[in-house]
């Protein structure tokens, strides 16, 4: 089973992420990305989807034209895990 991030490990992991916000309604992190157009947004989503499939860890997300909203939480542990942090870092690398 995947372990939920807590205490110092959680604080350190979250401190290393830029622009991600803790979702007030649940134990998740969220961020919105903006791109030049739909094609760039969709290409971004495609790359994230391929990585997520390899990780067997899938984001909750939505897309409207050039905006992609991403929420990460690990259902197996009922909250934030290292899997979410790893995927968030990958997503940030793609978006930069």
C-alpha atoms as a PDB file:
ATOM      1  CA  UNK A   1       0.000   0.000   0.000  1.00  0.00           C
ATOM      2  CA  UNK A   2       1.091   3.557  -0.702  1.00  0.00           C
ATOM      3  CA  UNK A   3       1.868   5.649   2.387  1.00  0.00           C
ATOM      4  CA  UNK A   4       0.213   8.987   2.994  1.00  0.00           C
ATOM      5  CA  UNK A   5       2.647  11.906   3.394  1.00  0.00           C
ATOM      6  CA  UNK A   6       2.539  13.362   6.896  1.00  0.00           C
ATOM      7  CA  UNK A   7       4.551  15.563   9.221  1.00  0.00           C
ATOM      8  CA  UNK A   8       7.981  16.819   8.178  1.00  0.00           C
ATOM      9  CA  UNK A   9       8.067  14.650   5.052  1.00  0.00           C
ATOM     10  CA  UNK A  10       4.854  16.282   3.876  1.00  0.00           C
ATOM     11  CA  UNK A  11       6.024  19.830   4.644  1.00  0.00           C
ATOM     12  CA  UNK A  12       9.328  19.274   2.834  1.00  0.00           C
ATOM     13  CA  UNK A  13       7.657  17.708  -0.191  1.00  0.00           C
ATOM     14  CA  UNK A  14       5.159  20.562  -0.518  1.00  0.00           C
ATOM     15  CA  UNK A  15       7.866  23.202  -0.008  1.00  0.00           C
ATOM     16  CA  UNK A  16       9.630  21.849  -3.098  1.00  0.00           C
ATOM     17  CA  UNK A  17       6.650  22.524  -5.365  1.00  0.00           C
ATOM     18  CA  UNK A  18       5.988  25.928  -6.904  1.00  0.00           C
ATOM     19  CA  UNK A  19       2.458  27.103  -7.540  1.00  0.00           C
ATOM     20  CA  UNK A  20       0.716  23.971  -6.286  1.00  0.00           C
ATOM     21  CA  UNK A  21      -1.958  24.662  -3.686  1.00  0.00           C
ATOM     22  CA  UNK A  22      -3.378  22.316  -1.096  1.00  0.00           C
ATOM     23  CA  UNK A  23      -7.035  21.705  -1.905  1.00  0.00           C
ATOM     24  CA  UNK A  24      -9.056  23.004   1.031  1.00  0.00           C
ATOM     25  CA  UNK A  25     -11.814  20.425   0.580  1.00  0.00           C
ATOM     26  CA  UNK A  26      -9.637  17.306   0.584  1.00  0.00           C
ATOM     27  CA  UNK A  27      -6.094  16.005   0.941  1.00  0.00           C
ATOM     28  CA  UNK A  28      -4.929  16.901  -2.571  1.00  0.00           C
ATOM     29  CA  UNK A  29      -2.831  19.466  -4.431  1.00  0.00           C
ATOM     30  CA  UNK A  30      -3.970  21.461  -7.438  1.00  0.00           C
ATOM     31  CA  UNK A  31      -2.552  23.788 -10.066  1.00  0.00           C
ATOM     32  CA  UNK A  32      -3.781  25.445 -13.254  1.00  0.00           C
ATOM     33  CA  UNK A  33      -1.629  25.705 -16.358  1.00  0.00           C
ATOM     34  CA  UNK A  34      -2.127  28.074 -19.302  1.00  0.00           C
ATOM     35  CA  UNK A  35      -0.772  27.569 -22.785  1.00  0.00           C
ATOM     36  CA  UNK A  36      -0.732  29.560 -26.012  1.00  0.00           C
ATOM     37  CA  UNK A  37      -3.576  27.550 -27.526  1.00  0.00           C
ATOM     38  CA  UNK A  38      -5.523  24.299 -27.446  1.00  0.00           C
ATOM     39  CA  UNK A  39      -2.868  22.354 -29.350  1.00  0.00           C
ATOM     40  CA  UNK A  40      -0.204  23.132 -26.756  1.00  0.00           C
ATOM     41  CA  UNK A  41      -2.565  22.311 -23.892  1.00  0.00           C
ATOM     42  CA  UNK A  42      -3.535  19.005 -25.481  1.00  0.00           C
ATOM     43  CA  UNK A  43       0.095  18.083 -26.231  1.00  0.00           C
ATOM     44  CA  UNK A  44       0.913  18.761 -22.573  1.00  0.00           C
ATOM     45  CA  UNK A  45      -1.963  16.556 -21.439  1.00  0.00           C
ATOM     46  CA  UNK A  46      -0.842  13.775 -23.757  1.00  0.00           C
ATOM     47  CA  UNK A  47       2.663  13.765 -22.302  1.00  0.00           C
ATOM     48  CA  UNK A  48       1.302  13.792 -18.747  1.00  0.00           C
ATOM     49  CA  UNK A  49      -1.098  10.957 -19.611  1.00  0.00           C
ATOM     50  CA  UNK A  50       1.725   8.765 -20.910  1.00  0.00           C
ATOM     51  CA  UNK A  51       3.796   9.325 -17.751  1.00  0.00           C
ATOM     52  CA  UNK A  52       0.772   8.811 -15.500  1.00  0.00           C
ATOM     53  CA  UNK A  53       0.005   5.499 -17.197  1.00  0.00           C
ATOM     54  CA  UNK A  54       3.592   4.306 -16.678  1.00  0.00           C
ATOM     55  CA  UNK A  55       3.319   5.314 -13.006  1.00  0.00           C
ATOM     56  CA  UNK A  56      -0.166   3.787 -12.696  1.00  0.00           C
ATOM     57  CA  UNK A  57      -1.105   7.074 -11.046  1.00  0.00           C
ATOM     58  CA  UNK A  58      -3.691   9.159 -12.852  1.00  0.00           C
ATOM     59  CA  UNK A  59      -4.542  12.827 -12.284  1.00  0.00           C
ATOM     60  CA  UNK A  60      -7.955  14.380 -11.947  1.00  0.00           C
ATOM     61  CA  UNK A  61      -7.995  17.118 -14.546  1.00  0.00           C
ATOM     62  CA  UNK A  62      -9.956  19.225 -16.938  1.00  0.00           C
ATOM     63  CA  UNK A  63      -9.207  21.206 -20.070  1.00  0.00           C
ATOM     64  CA  UNK A  64     -10.872  24.303 -21.499  1.00  0.00           C
ATOM     65  CA  UNK A  65      -9.156  25.585 -24.642  1.00  0.00           C
ATOM     66  CA  UNK A  66      -5.682  26.686 -23.428  1.00  0.00           C
ATOM     67  CA  UNK A  67      -6.185  25.930 -19.710  1.00  0.00           C
ATOM     68  CA  UNK A  68      -5.476  22.651 -17.956  1.00  0.00           C
ATOM     69  CA  UNK A  69      -6.474  22.225 -14.306  1.00  0.00           C
ATOM     70  CA  UNK A  70      -4.767  19.363 -12.475  1.00  0.00           C
ATOM     71  CA  UNK A  71      -5.581  17.861  -9.082  1.00  0.00           C
ATOM     72  CA  UNK A  72      -3.431  15.132  -7.553  1.00  0.00           C
ATOM     73  CA  UNK A  73      -4.311  12.803  -4.692  1.00  0.00           C
ATOM     74  CA  UNK A  74      -3.646   9.129  -4.095  1.00  0.00           C
ATOM     75  CA  UNK A  75      -6.858   7.159  -3.719  1.00  0.00           C
ATOM     76  CA  UNK A  76      -5.006   4.114  -2.356  1.00  0.00           C
ATOM     77  CA  UNK A  77      -4.053   6.018   0.815  1.00  0.00           C
ATOM     78  CA  UNK A  78      -6.867   8.557   0.892  1.00  0.00           C
ATOM     79  CA  UNK A  79      -4.646  11.584   0.494  1.00  0.00           C
ATOM     80  CA  UNK A  80      -1.347  13.028  -0.600  1.00  0.00           C
ATOM     81  CA  UNK A  81       1.534  10.618  -1.254  1.00  0.00           C
ATOM     82  CA  UNK A  82       5.008  10.703  -2.759  1.00  0.00           C
ATOM     83  CA  UNK A  83       3.406   9.601  -6.038  1.00  0.00           C
ATOM     84  CA  UNK A  84       1.593  12.937  -6.207  1.00  0.00           C
ATOM     85  CA  UNK A  85       4.781  14.874  -5.526  1.00  0.00           C
ATOM     86  CA  UNK A  86       6.679  12.930  -8.187  1.00  0.00           C
ATOM     87  CA  UNK A  87       3.960  13.472 -10.781  1.00  0.00           C
ATOM     88  CA  UNK A  88       3.673  17.176  -9.872  1.00  0.00           C
ATOM     89  CA  UNK A  89       7.419  17.609 -10.428  1.00  0.00           C
ATOM     90  CA  UNK A  90       7.192  15.880 -13.794  1.00  0.00           C
ATOM     91  CA  UNK A  91       4.227  18.064 -14.777  1.00  0.00           C
ATOM     92  CA  UNK A  92       6.100  21.224 -13.780  1.00  0.00           C
ATOM     93  CA  UNK A  93       9.099  20.158 -15.854  1.00  0.00           C
ATOM     94  CA  UNK A  94       6.870  19.721 -18.911  1.00  0.00           C
ATOM     95  CA  UNK A  95       5.146  23.045 -18.423  1.00  0.00           C
ATOM     96  CA  UNK A  96       8.339  25.062 -18.042  1.00  0.00           C
END
